[in-house]
């Protein structure tokens, strides 16, 4: 198991990129550590694909002050090197993304 932490910005940024083999994303946490409501987006982007309407899984999700959006019900399997989980938020420096992975 591995943990990856990434502060989000307004630009869609990879919060996890699969290096090789099959990797399961067991959880993704988007933590708003500020006193104001923030908006976040999350994409699952296959290798050679682009961030856009065809790869988004959470669009304009509201995260209230000092709360965390936790995605852990369904596992996401990344099977190709270059597959990525990408995220952004409306105000840089307000949300930290934490991704937990395990090889399968």
C-alpha atoms as a PDB file:
ATOM      1  CA  UNK A   1       0.000   0.000   0.000  1.00  0.00           C
ATOM      2  CA  UNK A   2       1.149   3.529  -0.718  1.00  0.00           C
ATOM      3  CA  UNK A   3      -0.132   6.981   0.208  1.00  0.00           C
ATOM      4  CA  UNK A   4       0.250  10.073  -1.990  1.00  0.00           C
ATOM      5  CA  UNK A   5      -0.577  13.633  -0.795  1.00  0.00           C
ATOM      6  CA  UNK A   6      -0.911  16.534  -3.241  1.00  0.00           C
ATOM      7  CA  UNK A   7      -2.023  20.125  -2.607  1.00  0.00           C
ATOM      8  CA  UNK A   8      -4.493  21.098  -5.330  1.00  0.00           C
ATOM      9  CA  UNK A   9      -4.333  24.145  -7.557  1.00  0.00           C
ATOM     10  CA  UNK A  10      -6.749  25.593 -10.084  1.00  0.00           C
ATOM     11  CA  UNK A  11      -4.960  23.673 -12.864  1.00  0.00           C
ATOM     12  CA  UNK A  12      -5.865  19.982 -13.274  1.00  0.00           C
ATOM     13  CA  UNK A  13      -2.870  18.122 -11.825  1.00  0.00           C
ATOM     14  CA  UNK A  14      -2.069  14.436 -11.505  1.00  0.00           C
ATOM     15  CA  UNK A  15      -2.518  13.301  -7.911  1.00  0.00           C
ATOM     16  CA  UNK A  16      -1.486   9.750  -8.849  1.00  0.00           C
ATOM     17  CA  UNK A  17       0.023   8.315 -12.029  1.00  0.00           C
ATOM     18  CA  UNK A  18       0.286   4.563 -12.512  1.00  0.00           C
ATOM     19  CA  UNK A  19       3.892   3.563 -13.199  1.00  0.00           C
ATOM     20  CA  UNK A  20       3.374  -0.077 -14.167  1.00  0.00           C
ATOM     21  CA  UNK A  21       1.196  -3.098 -13.511  1.00  0.00           C
ATOM     22  CA  UNK A  22      -2.288  -3.122 -12.061  1.00  0.00           C
ATOM     23  CA  UNK A  23      -2.886  -0.658  -9.251  1.00  0.00           C
ATOM     24  CA  UNK A  24      -6.101  -0.303  -7.262  1.00  0.00           C
ATOM     25  CA  UNK A  25      -7.073   3.097  -5.925  1.00  0.00           C
ATOM     26  CA  UNK A  26      -8.603   2.171  -2.579  1.00  0.00           C
ATOM     27  CA  UNK A  27      -9.542   5.680  -1.431  1.00  0.00           C
ATOM     28  CA  UNK A  28      -9.284   9.305  -2.469  1.00  0.00           C
ATOM     29  CA  UNK A  29      -9.712  12.043   0.135  1.00  0.00           C
ATOM     30  CA  UNK A  30     -10.183  15.683  -0.816  1.00  0.00           C
ATOM     31  CA  UNK A  31      -9.764  17.708   2.370  1.00  0.00           C
ATOM     32  CA  UNK A  32     -10.842  21.352   2.531  1.00  0.00           C
ATOM     33  CA  UNK A  33      -8.740  22.728   5.384  1.00  0.00           C
ATOM     34  CA  UNK A  34     -10.073  26.295   5.123  1.00  0.00           C
ATOM     35  CA  UNK A  35     -13.006  28.193   6.576  1.00  0.00           C
ATOM     36  CA  UNK A  36     -14.646  28.739   3.190  1.00  0.00           C
ATOM     37  CA  UNK A  37     -16.529  26.409   0.860  1.00  0.00           C
ATOM     38  CA  UNK A  38     -14.410  25.070  -2.007  1.00  0.00           C
ATOM     39  CA  UNK A  39     -15.221  23.396  -5.320  1.00  0.00           C
ATOM     40  CA  UNK A  40     -13.265  20.403  -6.672  1.00  0.00           C
ATOM     41  CA  UNK A  41     -13.135  18.243  -9.789  1.00  0.00           C
ATOM     42  CA  UNK A  42     -11.722  14.733 -10.221  1.00  0.00           C
ATOM     43  CA  UNK A  43     -10.871  12.836 -13.401  1.00  0.00           C
ATOM     44  CA  UNK A  44      -9.750   9.266 -14.134  1.00  0.00           C
ATOM     45  CA  UNK A  45      -7.604   9.652 -17.231  1.00  0.00           C
ATOM     46  CA  UNK A  46      -6.416   6.616 -19.210  1.00  0.00           C
ATOM     47  CA  UNK A  47      -2.917   6.763 -20.693  1.00  0.00           C
ATOM     48  CA  UNK A  48      -2.870   9.011 -23.795  1.00  0.00           C
ATOM     49  CA  UNK A  49      -6.336  10.442 -23.001  1.00  0.00           C
ATOM     50  CA  UNK A  50      -7.018  14.007 -21.885  1.00  0.00           C
ATOM     51  CA  UNK A  51      -8.743  15.713 -18.978  1.00  0.00           C
ATOM     52  CA  UNK A  52     -12.246  16.600 -20.114  1.00  0.00           C
ATOM     53  CA  UNK A  53     -15.914  15.709 -20.087  1.00  0.00           C
ATOM     54  CA  UNK A  54     -15.139  12.138 -21.159  1.00  0.00           C
ATOM     55  CA  UNK A  55     -12.905  11.411 -18.156  1.00  0.00           C
ATOM     56  CA  UNK A  56     -14.483  13.379 -15.288  1.00  0.00           C
ATOM     57  CA  UNK A  57     -16.007  11.430 -12.385  1.00  0.00           C
ATOM     58  CA  UNK A  58     -16.705  14.286  -9.929  1.00  0.00           C
ATOM     59  CA  UNK A  59     -17.651  17.674 -11.393  1.00  0.00           C
ATOM     60  CA  UNK A  60     -17.869  20.867  -9.353  1.00  0.00           C
ATOM     61  CA  UNK A  61     -18.246  19.032  -6.049  1.00  0.00           C
ATOM     62  CA  UNK A  62     -18.822  21.364  -3.102  1.00  0.00           C
ATOM     63  CA  UNK A  63     -16.664  20.696  -0.048  1.00  0.00           C
ATOM     64  CA  UNK A  64     -17.807  22.714   2.933  1.00  0.00           C
ATOM     65  CA  UNK A  65     -15.341  24.338   5.377  1.00  0.00           C
ATOM     66  CA  UNK A  66     -13.093  21.914   7.284  1.00  0.00           C
ATOM     67  CA  UNK A  67     -14.679  18.842   5.658  1.00  0.00           C
ATOM     68  CA  UNK A  68     -13.402  15.987   3.523  1.00  0.00           C
ATOM     69  CA  UNK A  69     -14.916  14.264   0.501  1.00  0.00           C
ATOM     70  CA  UNK A  70     -14.028  10.565   0.779  1.00  0.00           C
ATOM     71  CA  UNK A  71     -14.393   8.253  -2.210  1.00  0.00           C
ATOM     72  CA  UNK A  72     -14.004   4.670  -1.043  1.00  0.00           C
ATOM     73  CA  UNK A  73     -17.064   2.675  -2.078  1.00  0.00           C
ATOM     74  CA  UNK A  74     -15.831   1.487  -5.476  1.00  0.00           C
ATOM     75  CA  UNK A  75     -12.186   0.721  -6.259  1.00  0.00           C
ATOM     76  CA  UNK A  76     -10.633   2.141  -9.417  1.00  0.00           C
ATOM     77  CA  UNK A  77      -8.208  -0.181 -11.207  1.00  0.00           C
ATOM     78  CA  UNK A  78      -5.470   1.455 -13.246  1.00  0.00           C
ATOM     79  CA  UNK A  79      -3.959  -1.191 -15.533  1.00  0.00           C
ATOM     80  CA  UNK A  80      -1.709   0.735 -17.905  1.00  0.00           C
ATOM     81  CA  UNK A  81       1.398   2.788 -17.202  1.00  0.00           C
ATOM     82  CA  UNK A  82       0.378   6.423 -17.568  1.00  0.00           C
ATOM     83  CA  UNK A  83      -3.205   5.999 -16.329  1.00  0.00           C
ATOM     84  CA  UNK A  84      -3.800   8.846 -13.862  1.00  0.00           C
ATOM     85  CA  UNK A  85      -6.075  10.352 -11.251  1.00  0.00           C
ATOM     86  CA  UNK A  86      -6.244  14.115 -11.829  1.00  0.00           C
ATOM     87  CA  UNK A  87      -7.850  16.825  -9.674  1.00  0.00           C
ATOM     88  CA  UNK A  88      -8.171  20.569  -9.241  1.00  0.00           C
ATOM     89  CA  UNK A  89     -10.049  23.075  -7.087  1.00  0.00           C
ATOM     90  CA  UNK A  90     -11.378  26.602  -7.425  1.00  0.00           C
ATOM     91  CA  UNK A  91      -8.834  28.223  -5.054  1.00  0.00           C
ATOM     92  CA  UNK A  92      -5.225  27.053  -4.940  1.00  0.00           C
ATOM     93  CA  UNK A  93      -3.903  26.064  -1.538  1.00  0.00           C
ATOM     94  CA  UNK A  94      -7.252  25.133   0.009  1.00  0.00           C
ATOM     95  CA  UNK A  95      -7.608  21.381  -0.614  1.00  0.00           C
ATOM     96  CA  UNK A  96      -5.184  18.510  -0.153  1.00  0.00           C
ATOM     97  CA  UNK A  97      -5.783  15.298  -2.110  1.00  0.00           C
ATOM     98  CA  UNK A  98      -4.729  12.016  -0.518  1.00  0.00           C
ATOM     99  CA  UNK A  99      -4.697   8.849  -2.630  1.00  0.00           C
ATOM    100  CA  UNK A 100      -4.295   5.360  -1.163  1.00  0.00           C
ATOM    101  CA  UNK A 101      -3.185   2.660  -3.596  1.00  0.00           C
ATOM    102  CA  UNK A 102      -2.428  -1.046  -3.560  1.00  0.00           C
ATOM    103  CA  UNK A 103      -1.020  -3.342  -6.225  1.00  0.00           C
ATOM    104  CA  UNK A 104      -3.321  -6.041  -7.567  1.00  0.00           C
END
